[in-house]
Amino acid sequence: MHPCFCGAFADRTQPGQVVLGAGHGSREKTFGGWSKHGVRGRLGAHHLPLEDLVTATLLAGLVLIRLMEDGRWDIPDMLGIEAYKPTRPIPPP
């Protein structure tokens, strides 16, 4: 899921439209969202902002190649991270 446009703060009630509210930076577990019938409404979810996801990738020693966005509408609902683990540590710049 795309961390910027999916979450309890992103209302996707209307097809093709996403209304963003406060909460993107929240890292707390939530059961809120625009649909009470989804996984978040039943089990809850921890949101991680894009900054946290990319930082975790780099701190794991992975080399970031690219980020990819996709979705059914103009606003992406999927995020992909392509990275690899080098066989030897890369020295810092």
PDB file of N, CA and C in Angstrom:
ATOM      1  N   MET A   1       0.834  -1.180   0.000  1.00  0.00           N
ATOM      2  CA  MET A   1       0.000   0.000   0.000  1.00  0.00           C
ATOM      3  C   MET A   1       0.879   1.244   0.000  1.00  0.00           C
ATOM      4  N   HIS A   2       0.407   2.267  -0.633  1.00  0.00           N
ATOM      5  CA  HIS A   2       1.153   3.526  -0.685  1.00  0.00           C
ATOM      6  C   HIS A   2       0.963   4.269   0.635  1.00  0.00           C
ATOM      7  N   PRO A   3       2.040   4.600   1.334  1.00  0.00           N
ATOM      8  CA  PRO A   3       1.898   5.221   2.648  1.00  0.00           C
ATOM      9  C   PRO A   3       1.397   6.659   2.618  1.00  0.00           C
ATOM     10  N   CYS A   4       1.432   7.310   1.469  1.00  0.00           N
ATOM     11  CA  CYS A   4       0.979   8.700   1.400  1.00  0.00           C
ATOM     12  C   CYS A   4      -0.506   8.824   1.081  1.00  0.00           C
ATOM     13  N   PHE A   5      -1.075   7.835   0.396  1.00  0.00           N
ATOM     14  CA  PHE A   5      -2.444   7.979  -0.096  1.00  0.00           C
ATOM     15  C   PHE A   5      -3.378   6.855   0.330  1.00  0.00           C
ATOM     16  N   CYS A   6      -2.901   5.993   1.226  1.00  0.00           N
ATOM     17  CA  CYS A   6      -3.733   4.923   1.792  1.00  0.00           C
ATOM     18  C   CYS A   6      -3.526   4.942   3.296  1.00  0.00           C
ATOM     19  N   GLY A   7      -4.579   4.811   4.025  1.00  0.00           N
ATOM     20  CA  GLY A   7      -4.488   4.807   5.479  1.00  0.00           C
ATOM     21  C   GLY A   7      -5.735   5.395   6.075  1.00  0.00           C
ATOM     22  N   ALA A   8      -5.769   5.449   7.379  1.00  0.00           N
ATOM     23  CA  ALA A   8      -6.944   5.970   8.072  1.00  0.00           C
ATOM     24  C   ALA A   8      -7.197   7.435   7.735  1.00  0.00           C
ATOM     25  N   PHE A   9      -6.175   8.144   7.289  1.00  0.00           N
ATOM     26  CA  PHE A   9      -6.282   9.567   6.955  1.00  0.00           C
ATOM     27  C   PHE A   9      -6.702   9.804   5.502  1.00  0.00           C
ATOM     28  N   ALA A  10      -6.815   8.748   4.696  1.00  0.00           N
ATOM     29  CA  ALA A  10      -7.148   8.865   3.273  1.00  0.00           C
ATOM     30  C   ALA A  10      -8.552   8.315   3.023  1.00  0.00           C
ATOM     31  N   ASP A  11      -9.484   9.189   2.682  1.00  0.00           N
ATOM     32  CA  ASP A  11     -10.869   8.799   2.419  1.00  0.00           C
ATOM     33  C   ASP A  11     -11.016   8.486   0.937  1.00  0.00           C
ATOM     34  N   ARG A  12     -11.274   7.216   0.622  1.00  0.00           N
ATOM     35  CA  ARG A  12     -11.452   6.764  -0.760  1.00  0.00           C
ATOM     36  C   ARG A  12     -12.901   6.368  -1.023  1.00  0.00           C
ATOM     37  N   THR A  13     -13.833   7.024  -0.349  1.00  0.00           N
ATOM     38  CA  THR A  13     -15.248   6.712  -0.493  1.00  0.00           C
ATOM     39  C   THR A  13     -15.724   6.904  -1.930  1.00  0.00           C
ATOM     40  N   GLN A  14     -15.304   7.993  -2.551  1.00  0.00           N
ATOM     41  CA  GLN A  14     -15.707   8.300  -3.917  1.00  0.00           C
ATOM     42  C   GLN A  14     -14.694   7.720  -4.897  1.00  0.00           C
ATOM     43  N   PRO A  15     -15.131   6.882  -5.849  1.00  0.00           N
ATOM     44  CA  PRO A  15     -14.187   6.313  -6.823  1.00  0.00           C
ATOM     45  C   PRO A  15     -13.423   7.410  -7.571  1.00  0.00           C
ATOM     46  N   GLY A  16     -12.116   7.213  -7.703  1.00  0.00           N
ATOM     47  CA  GLY A  16     -11.282   8.149  -8.438  1.00  0.00           C
ATOM     48  C   GLY A  16     -10.910   9.388  -7.661  1.00  0.00           C
ATOM     49  N   GLN A  17     -11.239   9.428  -6.365  1.00  0.00           N
ATOM     50  CA  GLN A  17     -10.954  10.610  -5.564  1.00  0.00           C
ATOM     51  C   GLN A  17     -10.404  10.177  -4.209  1.00  0.00           C
ATOM     52  N   VAL A  18      -9.409  10.874  -3.738  1.00  0.00           N
ATOM     53  CA  VAL A  18      -8.849  10.620  -2.414  1.00  0.00           C
ATOM     54  C   VAL A  18      -8.819  11.950  -1.669  1.00  0.00           C
ATOM     55  N   VAL A  19      -9.449  11.980  -0.518  1.00  0.00           N
ATOM     56  CA  VAL A  19      -9.429  13.169   0.326  1.00  0.00           C
ATOM     57  C   VAL A  19      -8.520  12.861   1.510  1.00  0.00           C
ATOM     58  N   LEU A  20      -7.431  13.621   1.620  1.00  0.00           N
ATOM     59  CA  LEU A  20      -6.455  13.394   2.678  1.00  0.00           C
ATOM     60  C   LEU A  20      -6.749  14.286   3.873  1.00  0.00           C
ATOM     61  N   GLY A  21      -6.730  13.688   5.055  1.00  0.00           N
ATOM     62  CA  GLY A  21      -6.907  14.423   6.300  1.00  0.00           C
ATOM     63  C   GLY A  21      -5.655  14.300   7.138  1.00  0.00           C
ATOM     64  N   ALA A  22      -5.716  14.789   8.341  1.00  0.00           N
ATOM     65  CA  ALA A  22      -4.576  14.709   9.258  1.00  0.00           C
ATOM     66  C   ALA A  22      -4.302  13.255   9.622  1.00  0.00           C
ATOM     67  N   GLY A  23      -3.063  12.938   9.909  1.00  0.00           N
ATOM     68  CA  GLY A  23      -2.730  11.603  10.387  1.00  0.00           C
ATOM     69  C   GLY A  23      -1.633  10.899   9.626  1.00  0.00           C
ATOM     70  N   HIS A  24      -1.130  11.473   8.541  1.00  0.00           N
ATOM     71  CA  HIS A  24      -0.093  10.797   7.758  1.00  0.00           C
ATOM     72  C   HIS A  24       1.155  10.530   8.599  1.00  0.00           C
ATOM     73  N   GLY A  25       1.498  11.438   9.488  1.00  0.00           N
ATOM     74  CA  GLY A  25       2.695  11.278  10.299  1.00  0.00           C
ATOM     75  C   GLY A  25       2.506  10.399  11.524  1.00  0.00           C
ATOM     76  N   SER A  26       1.282   9.968  11.780  1.00  0.00           N
ATOM     77  CA  SER A  26       1.016   9.146  12.953  1.00  0.00           C
ATOM     78  C   SER A  26       1.596   7.753  12.781  1.00  0.00           C
ATOM     79  N   ARG A  27       2.206   7.244  13.843  1.00  0.00           N
ATOM     80  CA  ARG A  27       2.786   5.901  13.809  1.00  0.00           C
ATOM     81  C   ARG A  27       2.055   4.971  14.771  1.00  0.00           C
ATOM     82  N   GLU A  28       0.910   5.399  15.271  1.00  0.00           N
ATOM     83  CA  GLU A  28       0.139   4.621  16.232  1.00  0.00           C
ATOM     84  C   GLU A  28      -0.807   3.656  15.531  1.00  0.00           C
ATOM     85  N   LYS A  29      -1.143   2.575  16.229  1.00  0.00           N
ATOM     86  CA  LYS A  29      -2.104   1.620  15.687  1.00  0.00           C
ATOM     87  C   LYS A  29      -3.478   2.275  15.659  1.00  0.00           C
ATOM     88  N   THR A  30      -4.191   2.072  14.558  1.00  0.00           N
ATOM     89  CA  THR A  30      -5.516   2.651  14.412  1.00  0.00           C
ATOM     90  C   THR A  30      -6.488   1.629  13.844  1.00  0.00           C
ATOM     91  N   PHE A  31      -7.732   1.796  14.186  1.00  0.00           N
ATOM     92  CA  PHE A  31      -8.812   0.985  13.622  1.00  0.00           C
ATOM     93  C   PHE A  31      -9.690   1.855  12.735  1.00  0.00           C
ATOM     94  N   GLY A  32      -9.331   3.133  12.626  1.00  0.00           N
ATOM     95  CA  GLY A  32     -10.129   4.076  11.851  1.00  0.00           C
ATOM     96  C   GLY A  32      -9.878   3.956  10.363  1.00  0.00           C
ATOM     97  N   GLY A  33     -10.759   4.536   9.598  1.00  0.00           N
ATOM     98  CA  GLY A  33     -10.617   4.539   8.149  1.00  0.00           C
ATOM     99  C   GLY A  33     -11.954   4.787   7.485  1.00  0.00           C
ATOM    100  N   TRP A  34     -11.941   4.887   6.191  1.00  0.00           N
ATOM    101  CA  TRP A  34     -13.171   5.187   5.460  1.00  0.00           C
ATOM    102  C   TRP A  34     -14.064   3.970   5.306  1.00  0.00           C
ATOM    103  N   SER A  35     -13.548   2.781   5.525  1.00  0.00           N
ATOM    104  CA  SER A  35     -14.353   1.562   5.411  1.00  0.00           C
ATOM    105  C   SER A  35     -14.167   0.706   6.663  1.00  0.00           C
ATOM    106  N   LYS A  36     -15.229   0.486   7.413  1.00  0.00           N
ATOM    107  CA  LYS A  36     -15.132  -0.332   8.621  1.00  0.00           C
ATOM    108  C   LYS A  36     -15.076  -1.822   8.304  1.00  0.00           C
ATOM    109  N   HIS A  37     -15.232  -2.194   7.029  1.00  0.00           N
ATOM    110  CA  HIS A  37     -15.263  -3.595   6.628  1.00  0.00           C
ATOM    111  C   HIS A  37     -13.903  -4.128   6.195  1.00  0.00           C
ATOM    112  N   GLY A  38     -12.907  -3.278   6.099  1.00  0.00           N
ATOM    113  CA  GLY A  38     -11.580  -3.708   5.658  1.00  0.00           C
ATOM    114  C   GLY A  38     -10.762  -4.302   6.792  1.00  0.00           C
ATOM    115  N   VAL A  39      -9.538  -4.678   6.473  1.00  0.00           N
ATOM    116  CA  VAL A  39      -8.629  -5.271   7.459  1.00  0.00           C
ATOM    117  C   VAL A  39      -8.368  -4.291   8.595  1.00  0.00           C
ATOM    118  N   ARG A  40      -8.154  -3.017   8.281  1.00  0.00           N
ATOM    119  CA  ARG A  40      -7.859  -2.024   9.307  1.00  0.00           C
ATOM    120  C   ARG A  40      -9.006  -1.918  10.302  1.00  0.00           C
ATOM    121  N   GLY A  41     -10.229  -1.943   9.829  1.00  0.00           N
ATOM    122  CA  GLY A  41     -11.382  -1.830  10.711  1.00  0.00           C
ATOM    123  C   GLY A  41     -11.545  -3.027  11.631  1.00  0.00           C
ATOM    124  N   ARG A  42     -11.114  -4.198  11.193  1.00  0.00           N
ATOM    125  CA  ARG A  42     -11.259  -5.420  12.000  1.00  0.00           C
ATOM    126  C   ARG A  42     -10.039  -5.723  12.857  1.00  0.00           C
ATOM    127  N   LEU A  43      -8.823  -5.519  12.318  1.00  0.00           N
ATOM    128  CA  LEU A  43      -7.600  -5.903  13.023  1.00  0.00           C
ATOM    129  C   LEU A  43      -6.730  -4.725  13.435  1.00  0.00           C
ATOM    130  N   GLY A  44      -6.958  -3.581  12.819  1.00  0.00           N
ATOM    131  CA  GLY A  44      -6.117  -2.431  13.068  1.00  0.00           C
ATOM    132  C   GLY A  44      -4.890  -2.450  12.171  1.00  0.00           C
ATOM    133  N   ALA A  45      -4.183  -1.337  12.157  1.00  0.00           N
ATOM    134  CA  ALA A  45      -2.984  -1.229  11.323  1.00  0.00           C
ATOM    135  C   ALA A  45      -2.066  -0.171  11.904  1.00  0.00           C
ATOM    136  N   HIS A  46      -0.773  -0.361  11.713  1.00  0.00           N
ATOM    137  CA  HIS A  46       0.235   0.637  12.062  1.00  0.00           C
ATOM    138  C   HIS A  46       0.649   1.324  10.773  1.00  0.00           C
ATOM    139  N   HIS A  47       0.513   2.618  10.723  1.00  0.00           N
ATOM    140  CA  HIS A  47       0.916   3.379   9.549  1.00  0.00           C
ATOM    141  C   HIS A  47       2.383   3.772   9.678  1.00  0.00           C
ATOM    142  N   LEU A  48       3.132   3.654   8.601  1.00  0.00           N
ATOM    143  CA  LEU A  48       4.502   4.150   8.541  1.00  0.00           C
ATOM    144  C   LEU A  48       4.597   5.164   7.411  1.00  0.00           C
ATOM    145  N   PRO A  49       5.011   6.388   7.711  1.00  0.00           N
ATOM    146  CA  PRO A  49       5.193   7.376   6.652  1.00  0.00           C
ATOM    147  C   PRO A  49       6.284   6.935   5.670  1.00  0.00           C
ATOM    148  N   LEU A  50       6.263   7.497   4.485  1.00  0.00           N
ATOM    149  CA  LEU A  50       7.238   7.178   3.448  1.00  0.00           C
ATOM    150  C   LEU A  50       8.670   7.341   3.962  1.00  0.00           C
ATOM    151  N   GLU A  51       8.908   8.368   4.732  1.00  0.00           N
ATOM    152  CA  GLU A  51      10.232   8.612   5.301  1.00  0.00           C
ATOM    153  C   GLU A  51      10.718   7.405   6.107  1.00  0.00           C
ATOM    154  N   ASP A  52       9.852   6.820   6.916  1.00  0.00           N
ATOM    155  CA  ASP A  52      10.236   5.664   7.733  1.00  0.00           C
ATOM    156  C   ASP A  52      10.528   4.432   6.878  1.00  0.00           C
ATOM    157  N   LEU A  53       9.741   4.226   5.837  1.00  0.00           N
ATOM    158  CA  LEU A  53       9.951   3.058   4.976  1.00  0.00           C
ATOM    159  C   LEU A  53      11.283   3.133   4.228  1.00  0.00           C
ATOM    160  N   VAL A  54      11.577   4.293   3.667  1.00  0.00           N
ATOM    161  CA  VAL A  54      12.834   4.451   2.921  1.00  0.00           C
ATOM    162  C   VAL A  54      14.020   4.391   3.880  1.00  0.00           C
ATOM    163  N   THR A  55      13.910   5.024   5.035  1.00  0.00           N
ATOM    164  CA  THR A  55      14.993   4.984   6.021  1.00  0.00           C
ATOM    165  C   THR A  55      15.260   3.553   6.475  1.00  0.00           C
ATOM    166  N   ALA A  56      14.216   2.774   6.732  1.00  0.00           N
ATOM    167  CA  ALA A  56      14.388   1.373   7.148  1.00  0.00           C
ATOM    168  C   ALA A  56      15.105   0.570   6.058  1.00  0.00           C
ATOM    169  N   THR A  57      14.796   0.845   4.800  1.00  0.00           N
ATOM    170  CA  THR A  57      15.461   0.171   3.685  1.00  0.00           C
ATOM    171  C   THR A  57      16.960   0.459   3.704  1.00  0.00           C
ATOM    172  N   LEU A  58      17.308   1.719   3.880  1.00  0.00           N
ATOM    173  CA  LEU A  58      18.725   2.112   3.883  1.00  0.00           C
ATOM    174  C   LEU A  58      19.450   1.606   5.126  1.00  0.00           C
ATOM    175  N   LEU A  59      18.812   1.667   6.291  1.00  0.00           N
ATOM    176  CA  LEU A  59      19.444   1.192   7.523  1.00  0.00           C
ATOM    177  C   LEU A  59      19.646  -0.322   7.522  1.00  0.00           C
ATOM    178  N   ALA A  60      18.870  -1.034   6.724  1.00  0.00           N
ATOM    179  CA  ALA A  60      19.046  -2.487   6.600  1.00  0.00           C
ATOM    180  C   ALA A  60      20.241  -2.836   5.718  1.00  0.00           C
ATOM    181  N   GLY A  61      20.911  -1.810   5.192  1.00  0.00           N
ATOM    182  CA  GLY A  61      22.084  -2.046   4.360  1.00  0.00           C
ATOM    183  C   GLY A  61      21.749  -2.289   2.900  1.00  0.00           C
ATOM    184  N   LEU A  62      20.498  -2.038   2.523  1.00  0.00           N
ATOM    185  CA  LEU A  62      20.102  -2.220   1.128  1.00  0.00           C
ATOM    186  C   LEU A  62      20.464  -0.993   0.310  1.00  0.00           C
ATOM    187  N   VAL A  63      20.762  -1.204  -0.955  1.00  0.00           N
ATOM    188  CA  VAL A  63      21.033  -0.119  -1.890  1.00  0.00           C
ATOM    189  C   VAL A  63      19.758   0.127  -2.682  1.00  0.00           C
ATOM    190  N   LEU A  64      19.237   1.317  -2.564  1.00  0.00           N
ATOM    191  CA  LEU A  64      17.993   1.683  -3.229  1.00  0.00           C
ATOM    192  C   LEU A  64      18.240   1.892  -4.722  1.00  0.00           C
ATOM    193  N   ILE A  65      17.456   1.209  -5.542  1.00  0.00           N
ATOM    194  CA  ILE A  65      17.557   1.377  -6.989  1.00  0.00           C
ATOM    195  C   ILE A  65      16.475   2.324  -7.482  1.00  0.00           C
ATOM    196  N   ARG A  66      15.230   2.068  -7.063  1.00  0.00           N
ATOM    197  CA  ARG A  66      14.148   2.959  -7.470  1.00  0.00           C
ATOM    198  C   ARG A  66      12.906   2.735  -6.634  1.00  0.00           C
ATOM    199  N   LEU A  67      12.036   3.742  -6.648  1.00  0.00           N
ATOM    200  CA  LEU A  67      10.698   3.667  -6.075  1.00  0.00           C
ATOM    201  C   LEU A  67       9.717   3.657  -7.229  1.00  0.00           C
ATOM    202  N   MET A  68       8.663   2.870  -7.102  1.00  0.00           N
ATOM    203  CA  MET A  68       7.655   2.786  -8.155  1.00  0.00           C
ATOM    204  C   MET A  68       6.283   3.027  -7.545  1.00  0.00           C
ATOM    205  N   GLU A  69       5.437   3.767  -8.242  1.00  0.00           N
ATOM    206  CA  GLU A  69       4.070   4.004  -7.815  1.00  0.00           C
ATOM    207  C   GLU A  69       3.129   3.470  -8.883  1.00  0.00           C
ATOM    208  N   ASP A  70       1.989   2.953  -8.426  1.00  0.00           N
ATOM    209  CA  ASP A  70       0.988   2.455  -9.371  1.00  0.00           C
ATOM    210  C   ASP A  70      -0.367   2.479  -8.681  1.00  0.00           C
ATOM    211  N   GLY A  71      -1.381   2.316  -9.457  1.00  0.00           N
ATOM    212  CA  GLY A  71      -2.724   2.281  -8.909  1.00  0.00           C
ATOM    213  C   GLY A  71      -3.757   2.327  -9.999  1.00  0.00           C
ATOM    214  N   ARG A  72      -4.982   2.282  -9.573  1.00  0.00           N
ATOM    215  CA  ARG A  72      -6.091   2.257 -10.530  1.00  0.00           C
ATOM    216  C   ARG A  72      -6.478   3.647 -11.001  1.00  0.00           C
ATOM    217  N   TRP A  73      -6.070   4.673 -10.266  1.00  0.00           N
ATOM    218  CA  TRP A  73      -6.441   6.037 -10.614  1.00  0.00           C
ATOM    219  C   TRP A  73      -5.196   6.894 -10.756  1.00  0.00           C
ATOM    220  N   ASP A  74      -5.404   8.177 -10.954  1.00  0.00           N
ATOM    221  CA  ASP A  74      -4.272   9.098 -11.077  1.00  0.00           C
ATOM    222  C   ASP A  74      -3.472   9.190  -9.782  1.00  0.00           C
ATOM    223  N   ILE A  75      -4.124   8.947  -8.652  1.00  0.00           N
ATOM    224  CA  ILE A  75      -3.443   8.980  -7.359  1.00  0.00           C
ATOM    225  C   ILE A  75      -3.037   7.553  -7.021  1.00  0.00           C
ATOM    226  N   PRO A  76      -1.747   7.285  -6.821  1.00  0.00           N
ATOM    227  CA  PRO A  76      -1.301   5.906  -6.615  1.00  0.00           C
ATOM    228  C   PRO A  76      -1.793   5.322  -5.295  1.00  0.00           C
ATOM    229  N   ASP A  77      -2.065   4.013  -5.317  1.00  0.00           N
ATOM    230  CA  ASP A  77      -2.401   3.319  -4.076  1.00  0.00           C
ATOM    231  C   ASP A  77      -1.405   2.196  -3.790  1.00  0.00           C
ATOM    232  N   MET A  78      -0.427   2.027  -4.663  1.00  0.00           N
ATOM    233  CA  MET A  78       0.613   1.016  -4.476  1.00  0.00           C
ATOM    234  C   MET A  78       1.985   1.681  -4.560  1.00  0.00           C
ATOM    235  N   LEU A  79       2.908   1.217  -3.723  1.00  0.00           N
ATOM    236  CA  LEU A  79       4.285   1.697  -3.742  1.00  0.00           C
ATOM    237  C   LEU A  79       5.196   0.483  -3.756  1.00  0.00           C
ATOM    238  N   GLY A  80       6.164   0.497  -4.646  1.00  0.00           N
ATOM    239  CA  GLY A  80       7.156  -0.569  -4.696  1.00  0.00           C
ATOM    240  C   GLY A  80       8.546   0.009  -4.481  1.00  0.00           C
ATOM    241  N   ILE A  81       9.371  -0.745  -3.786  1.00  0.00           N
ATOM    242  CA  ILE A  81      10.755  -0.341  -3.557  1.00  0.00           C
ATOM    243  C   ILE A  81      11.648  -1.428  -4.142  1.00  0.00           C
ATOM    244  N   GLU A  82      12.515  -1.046  -5.080  1.00  0.00           N
ATOM    245  CA  GLU A  82      13.485  -1.994  -5.631  1.00  0.00           C
ATOM    246  C   GLU A  82      14.836  -1.681  -4.997  1.00  0.00           C
ATOM    247  N   ALA A  83      15.419  -2.683  -4.368  1.00  0.00           N
ATOM    248  CA  ALA A  83      16.695  -2.516  -3.691  1.00  0.00           C
ATOM    249  C   ALA A  83      17.428  -3.846  -3.680  1.00  0.00           C
ATOM    250  N   TYR A  84      18.713  -3.787  -3.412  1.00  0.00           N
ATOM    251  CA  TYR A  84      19.475  -5.037  -3.308  1.00  0.00           C
ATOM    252  C   TYR A  84      20.443  -4.950  -2.142  1.00  0.00           C
ATOM    253  N   LYS A  85      20.853  -6.096  -1.655  1.00  0.00           N
ATOM    254  CA  LYS A  85      21.838  -6.198  -0.568  1.00  0.00           C
ATOM    255  C   LYS A  85      23.194  -6.459  -1.214  1.00  0.00           C
ATOM    256  N   PRO A  86      24.138  -5.536  -1.087  1.00  0.00           N
ATOM    257  CA  PRO A  86      25.457  -5.753  -1.692  1.00  0.00           C
ATOM    258  C   PRO A  86      26.223  -6.875  -0.981  1.00  0.00           C
ATOM    259  N   THR A  87      27.093  -7.543  -1.725  1.00  0.00           N
ATOM    260  CA  THR A  87      27.877  -8.623  -1.136  1.00  0.00           C
ATOM    261  C   THR A  87      28.982  -8.087  -0.235  1.00  0.00           C
ATOM    262  N   ARG A  88      29.415  -6.854  -0.488  1.00  0.00           N
ATOM    263  CA  ARG A  88      30.405  -6.189   0.379  1.00  0.00           C
ATOM    264  C   ARG A  88      29.805  -4.858   0.821  1.00  0.00           C
ATOM    265  N   PRO A  89      30.078  -4.449   2.033  1.00  0.00           N
ATOM    266  CA  PRO A  89      29.557  -3.153   2.499  1.00  0.00           C
ATOM    267  C   PRO A  89      30.053  -2.021   1.615  1.00  0.00           C
ATOM    268  N   ILE A  90      29.186  -1.076   1.347  1.00  0.00           N
ATOM    269  CA  ILE A  90      29.548   0.110   0.568  1.00  0.00           C
ATOM    270  C   ILE A  90      30.014   1.177   1.546  1.00  0.00           C
ATOM    271  N   PRO A  91      31.226   1.719   1.352  1.00  0.00           N
ATOM    272  CA  PRO A  91      31.692   2.746   2.282  1.00  0.00           C
ATOM    273  C   PRO A  91      30.866   4.023   2.152  1.00  0.00           C
ATOM    274  N   PRO A  92      30.663   4.731   3.251  1.00  0.00           N
ATOM    275  CA  PRO A  92      29.902   5.976   3.163  1.00  0.00           C
ATOM    276  C   PRO A  92      30.653   7.022   2.341  1.00  0.00           C
ATOM    277  N   PRO A  93      29.932   7.961   1.742  1.00  0.00           N
ATOM    278  CA  PRO A  93      30.585   8.998   0.918  1.00  0.00           C
ATOM    279  C   PRO A  93      31.424   9.941   1.740  1.00  0.00           C
TER     280      PRO A  93
END
